[in-house]
Amino acid sequence: MRTGTWTYTLDDHERHSQALSAGETMTDSFVAVSEDSTASATVTITITRAQATVR
């Protein structure tokens, strides 16, 4: 049995993520399919805009 790993990188230049204010959330979903295509699951990620830091 294999275990899989994956990474998620938010495209912070995309207009939907740019439109979030501090504390607001959005979701992104995709379907993950097993290597042999016998199983699948929907993965939903909730993204929360952090408080902006002043530099």
PDB file of N, CA and C in Angstrom:
ATOM      1  N   MET A   1       0.847  -1.180   0.000  1.00  0.00           N
ATOM      2  CA  MET A   1       0.000   0.000   0.000  1.00  0.00           C
ATOM      3  C   MET A   1       0.892   1.243   0.000  1.00  0.00           C
ATOM      4  N   ARG A   2       0.576   2.151  -0.858  1.00  0.00           N
ATOM      5  CA  ARG A   2       1.323   3.409  -0.928  1.00  0.00           C
ATOM      6  C   ARG A   2       0.567   4.510  -0.204  1.00  0.00           C
ATOM      7  N   THR A   3       1.312   5.405   0.319  1.00  0.00           N
ATOM      8  CA  THR A   3       0.692   6.616   0.860  1.00  0.00           C
ATOM      9  C   THR A   3       1.166   7.774   0.010  1.00  0.00           C
ATOM     10  N   GLY A   4       0.282   8.669  -0.284  1.00  0.00           N
ATOM     11  CA  GLY A   4       0.629   9.781  -1.161  1.00  0.00           C
ATOM     12  C   GLY A   4       0.805  11.071  -0.393  1.00  0.00           C
ATOM     13  N   THR A   5       1.525  11.939  -0.993  1.00  0.00           N
ATOM     14  CA  THR A   5       1.658  13.286  -0.461  1.00  0.00           C
ATOM     15  C   THR A   5       1.375  14.258  -1.590  1.00  0.00           C
ATOM     16  N   TRP A   6       0.966  15.431  -1.242  1.00  0.00           N
ATOM     17  CA  TRP A   6       0.709  16.467  -2.226  1.00  0.00           C
ATOM     18  C   TRP A   6       0.977  17.810  -1.582  1.00  0.00           C
ATOM     19  N   THR A   7       1.132  18.808  -2.393  1.00  0.00           N
ATOM     20  CA  THR A   7       1.318  20.167  -1.901  1.00  0.00           C
ATOM     21  C   THR A   7       0.287  21.070  -2.557  1.00  0.00           C
ATOM     22  N   TYR A   8       0.023  22.164  -1.915  1.00  0.00           N
ATOM     23  CA  TYR A   8      -0.921  23.142  -2.447  1.00  0.00           C
ATOM     24  C   TYR A   8      -0.248  24.504  -2.372  1.00  0.00           C
ATOM     25  N   THR A   9      -0.223  25.198  -3.480  1.00  0.00           N
ATOM     26  CA  THR A   9       0.362  26.531  -3.517  1.00  0.00           C
ATOM     27  C   THR A   9      -0.697  27.512  -3.991  1.00  0.00           C
ATOM     28  N   LEU A  10      -1.022  28.464  -3.155  1.00  0.00           N
ATOM     29  CA  LEU A  10      -2.003  29.483  -3.500  1.00  0.00           C
ATOM     30  C   LEU A  10      -1.393  30.469  -4.486  1.00  0.00           C
ATOM     31  N   ASP A  11      -2.116  30.739  -5.558  1.00  0.00           N
ATOM     32  CA  ASP A  11      -1.694  31.771  -6.508  1.00  0.00           C
ATOM     33  C   ASP A  11      -2.193  33.101  -5.959  1.00  0.00           C
ATOM     34  N   ASP A  12      -1.357  33.764  -5.178  1.00  0.00           N
ATOM     35  CA  ASP A  12      -1.773  34.997  -4.504  1.00  0.00           C
ATOM     36  C   ASP A  12      -1.905  36.178  -5.463  1.00  0.00           C
ATOM     37  N   HIS A  13      -1.573  35.982  -6.713  1.00  0.00           N
ATOM     38  CA  HIS A  13      -1.760  37.038  -7.712  1.00  0.00           C
ATOM     39  C   HIS A  13      -3.125  36.921  -8.386  1.00  0.00           C
ATOM     40  N   GLU A  14      -3.844  35.828  -8.127  1.00  0.00           N
ATOM     41  CA  GLU A  14      -5.153  35.590  -8.718  1.00  0.00           C
ATOM     42  C   GLU A  14      -6.162  36.539  -8.075  1.00  0.00           C
ATOM     43  N   ARG A  15      -7.082  37.076  -8.854  1.00  0.00           N
ATOM     44  CA  ARG A  15      -7.965  38.146  -8.367  1.00  0.00           C
ATOM     45  C   ARG A  15      -8.846  37.730  -7.196  1.00  0.00           C
ATOM     46  N   HIS A  16      -9.291  36.464  -7.137  1.00  0.00           N
ATOM     47  CA  HIS A  16     -10.149  36.042  -6.028  1.00  0.00           C
ATOM     48  C   HIS A  16      -9.394  36.057  -4.697  1.00  0.00           C
ATOM     49  N   SER A  17      -8.153  35.608  -4.706  1.00  0.00           N
ATOM     50  CA  SER A  17      -7.377  35.630  -3.462  1.00  0.00           C
ATOM     51  C   SER A  17      -6.972  37.055  -3.101  1.00  0.00           C
ATOM     52  N   GLN A  18      -6.712  37.890  -4.082  1.00  0.00           N
ATOM     53  CA  GLN A  18      -6.370  39.292  -3.825  1.00  0.00           C
ATOM     54  C   GLN A  18      -7.544  40.055  -3.221  1.00  0.00           C
ATOM     55  N   ALA A  19      -8.773  39.647  -3.537  1.00  0.00           N
ATOM     56  CA  ALA A  19      -9.961  40.363  -3.070  1.00  0.00           C
ATOM     57  C   ALA A  19     -10.285  40.097  -1.605  1.00  0.00           C
ATOM     58  N   LEU A  20      -9.658  39.100  -0.993  1.00  0.00           N
ATOM     59  CA  LEU A  20      -9.945  38.786   0.404  1.00  0.00           C
ATOM     60  C   LEU A  20      -9.391  39.853   1.335  1.00  0.00           C
ATOM     61  N   SER A  21     -10.193  40.220   2.319  1.00  0.00           N
ATOM     62  CA  SER A  21      -9.724  41.103   3.389  1.00  0.00           C
ATOM     63  C   SER A  21      -9.248  40.237   4.545  1.00  0.00           C
ATOM     64  N   ALA A  22      -8.508  40.813   5.476  1.00  0.00           N
ATOM     65  CA  ALA A  22      -8.000  40.071   6.628  1.00  0.00           C
ATOM     66  C   ALA A  22      -9.143  39.362   7.341  1.00  0.00           C
ATOM     67  N   GLY A  23      -8.977  38.064   7.590  1.00  0.00           N
ATOM     68  CA  GLY A  23      -9.972  37.264   8.288  1.00  0.00           C
ATOM     69  C   GLY A  23     -11.007  36.620   7.376  1.00  0.00           C
ATOM     70  N   GLU A  24     -11.141  37.068   6.138  1.00  0.00           N
ATOM     71  CA  GLU A  24     -12.094  36.464   5.209  1.00  0.00           C
ATOM     72  C   GLU A  24     -11.542  35.139   4.687  1.00  0.00           C
ATOM     73  N   THR A  25     -12.460  34.265   4.267  1.00  0.00           N
ATOM     74  CA  THR A  25     -12.057  32.956   3.768  1.00  0.00           C
ATOM     75  C   THR A  25     -12.626  32.693   2.381  1.00  0.00           C
ATOM     76  N   MET A  26     -11.987  31.766   1.694  1.00  0.00           N
ATOM     77  CA  MET A  26     -12.501  31.215   0.447  1.00  0.00           C
ATOM     78  C   MET A  26     -12.104  29.747   0.425  1.00  0.00           C
ATOM     79  N   THR A  27     -12.753  28.959  -0.409  1.00  0.00           N
ATOM     80  CA  THR A  27     -12.406  27.547  -0.501  1.00  0.00           C
ATOM     81  C   THR A  27     -11.979  27.202  -1.917  1.00  0.00           C
ATOM     82  N   ASP A  28     -11.169  26.173  -2.009  1.00  0.00           N
ATOM     83  CA  ASP A  28     -10.748  25.620  -3.288  1.00  0.00           C
ATOM     84  C   ASP A  28     -10.889  24.113  -3.161  1.00  0.00           C
ATOM     85  N   SER A  29     -11.443  23.474  -4.178  1.00  0.00           N
ATOM     86  CA  SER A  29     -11.663  22.024  -4.139  1.00  0.00           C
ATOM     87  C   SER A  29     -11.111  21.359  -5.384  1.00  0.00           C
ATOM     88  N   PHE A  30     -10.694  20.110  -5.211  1.00  0.00           N
ATOM     89  CA  PHE A  30     -10.295  19.284  -6.346  1.00  0.00           C
ATOM     90  C   PHE A  30     -10.571  17.832  -5.998  1.00  0.00           C
ATOM     91  N   VAL A  31     -10.650  16.992  -7.015  1.00  0.00           N
ATOM     92  CA  VAL A  31     -10.877  15.565  -6.809  1.00  0.00           C
ATOM     93  C   VAL A  31      -9.535  14.850  -6.903  1.00  0.00           C
ATOM     94  N   ALA A  32      -9.198  14.124  -5.842  1.00  0.00           N
ATOM     95  CA  ALA A  32      -7.985  13.308  -5.822  1.00  0.00           C
ATOM     96  C   ALA A  32      -8.381  11.880  -6.189  1.00  0.00           C
ATOM     97  N   VAL A  33      -7.656  11.279  -7.125  1.00  0.00           N
ATOM     98  CA  VAL A  33      -7.965   9.933  -7.611  1.00  0.00           C
ATOM     99  C   VAL A  33      -6.786   9.018  -7.297  1.00  0.00           C
ATOM    100  N   SER A  34      -7.097   7.807  -6.821  1.00  0.00           N
ATOM    101  CA  SER A  34      -6.036   6.855  -6.510  1.00  0.00           C
ATOM    102  C   SER A  34      -5.277   6.462  -7.772  1.00  0.00           C
ATOM    103  N   GLU A  35      -4.063   5.982  -7.576  1.00  0.00           N
ATOM    104  CA  GLU A  35      -3.203   5.638  -8.708  1.00  0.00           C
ATOM    105  C   GLU A  35      -3.857   4.615  -9.634  1.00  0.00           C
ATOM    106  N   ASP A  36      -4.616   3.673  -9.056  1.00  0.00           N
ATOM    107  CA  ASP A  36      -5.265   2.658  -9.890  1.00  0.00           C
ATOM    108  C   ASP A  36      -6.701   3.036 -10.267  1.00  0.00           C
ATOM    109  N   SER A  37      -7.107   4.248  -9.941  1.00  0.00           N
ATOM    110  CA  SER A  37      -8.430   4.803 -10.289  1.00  0.00           C
ATOM    111  C   SER A  37      -9.608   4.070  -9.656  1.00  0.00           C
ATOM    112  N   THR A  38      -9.364   3.335  -8.565  1.00  0.00           N
ATOM    113  CA  THR A  38     -10.465   2.620  -7.917  1.00  0.00           C
ATOM    114  C   THR A  38     -11.124   3.428  -6.811  1.00  0.00           C
ATOM    115  N   ALA A  39     -10.542   4.551  -6.456  1.00  0.00           N
ATOM    116  CA  ALA A  39     -11.113   5.380  -5.394  1.00  0.00           C
ATOM    117  C   ALA A  39     -10.826   6.842  -5.691  1.00  0.00           C
ATOM    118  N   SER A  40     -11.716   7.678  -5.187  1.00  0.00           N
ATOM    119  CA  SER A  40     -11.509   9.122  -5.332  1.00  0.00           C
ATOM    120  C   SER A  40     -12.140   9.828  -4.145  1.00  0.00           C
ATOM    121  N   ALA A  41     -11.715  11.041  -3.922  1.00  0.00           N
ATOM    122  CA  ALA A  41     -12.270  11.856  -2.840  1.00  0.00           C
ATOM    123  C   ALA A  41     -12.113  13.319  -3.215  1.00  0.00           C
ATOM    124  N   THR A  42     -13.072  14.112  -2.791  1.00  0.00           N
ATOM    125  CA  THR A  42     -12.978  15.549  -2.993  1.00  0.00           C
ATOM    126  C   THR A  42     -12.204  16.153  -1.833  1.00  0.00           C
ATOM    127  N   VAL A  43     -11.187  16.914  -2.144  1.00  0.00           N
ATOM    128  CA  VAL A  43     -10.384  17.611  -1.143  1.00  0.00           C
ATOM    129  C   VAL A  43     -10.779  19.086  -1.207  1.00  0.00           C
ATOM    130  N   THR A  44     -11.186  19.631  -0.071  1.00  0.00           N
ATOM    131  CA  THR A  44     -11.554  21.043  -0.001  1.00  0.00           C
ATOM    132  C   THR A  44     -10.609  21.742   0.957  1.00  0.00           C
ATOM    133  N   ILE A  45     -10.007  22.809   0.479  1.00  0.00           N
ATOM    134  CA  ILE A  45      -9.055  23.586   1.267  1.00  0.00           C
ATOM    135  C   ILE A  45      -9.686  24.936   1.569  1.00  0.00           C
ATOM    136  N   THR A  46      -9.655  25.336   2.834  1.00  0.00           N
ATOM    137  CA  THR A  46     -10.153  26.650   3.232  1.00  0.00           C
ATOM    138  C   THR A  46      -8.966  27.580   3.409  1.00  0.00           C
ATOM    139  N   ILE A  47      -9.014  28.703   2.709  1.00  0.00           N
ATOM    140  CA  ILE A  47      -7.941  29.693   2.750  1.00  0.00           C
ATOM    141  C   ILE A  47      -8.441  30.895   3.533  1.00  0.00           C
ATOM    142  N   THR A  48      -7.696  31.322   4.541  1.00  0.00           N
ATOM    143  CA  THR A  48      -8.052  32.487   5.342  1.00  0.00           C
ATOM    144  C   THR A  48      -6.982  33.554   5.155  1.00  0.00           C
ATOM    145  N   ARG A  49      -7.413  34.746   4.782  1.00  0.00           N
ATOM    146  CA  ARG A  49      -6.465  35.858   4.596  1.00  0.00           C
ATOM    147  C   ARG A  49      -5.936  36.277   5.961  1.00  0.00           C
ATOM    148  N   ALA A  50      -4.632  36.291   6.104  1.00  0.00           N
ATOM    149  CA  ALA A  50      -4.000  36.714   7.353  1.00  0.00           C
ATOM    150  C   ALA A  50      -4.009  38.232   7.448  1.00  0.00           C
ATOM    151  N   GLN A  51      -3.788  38.714   8.641  1.00  0.00           N
ATOM    152  CA  GLN A  51      -3.653  40.148   8.852  1.00  0.00           C
ATOM    153  C   GLN A  51      -2.404  40.624   8.123  1.00  0.00           C
ATOM    154  N   ALA A  52      -2.507  41.689   7.396  1.00  0.00           N
ATOM    155  CA  ALA A  52      -1.354  42.228   6.671  1.00  0.00           C
ATOM    156  C   ALA A  52      -0.314  42.755   7.655  1.00  0.00           C
ATOM    157  N   THR A  53       0.942  42.574   7.311  1.00  0.00           N
ATOM    158  CA  THR A  53       2.012  43.114   8.145  1.00  0.00           C
ATOM    159  C   THR A  53       2.525  44.405   7.520  1.00  0.00           C
ATOM    160  N   VAL A  54       2.884  45.328   8.367  1.00  0.00           N
ATOM    161  CA  VAL A  54       3.407  46.612   7.900  1.00  0.00           C
ATOM    162  C   VAL A  54       4.917  46.508   7.858  1.00  0.00           C
ATOM    163  N   ARG A  55       5.498  46.914   6.746  1.00  0.00           N
ATOM    164  CA  ARG A  55       6.968  46.862   6.622  1.00  0.00           C
ATOM    165  C   ARG A  55       7.524  48.245   6.574  1.00  0.00           C
TER     166      ARG A  55
END
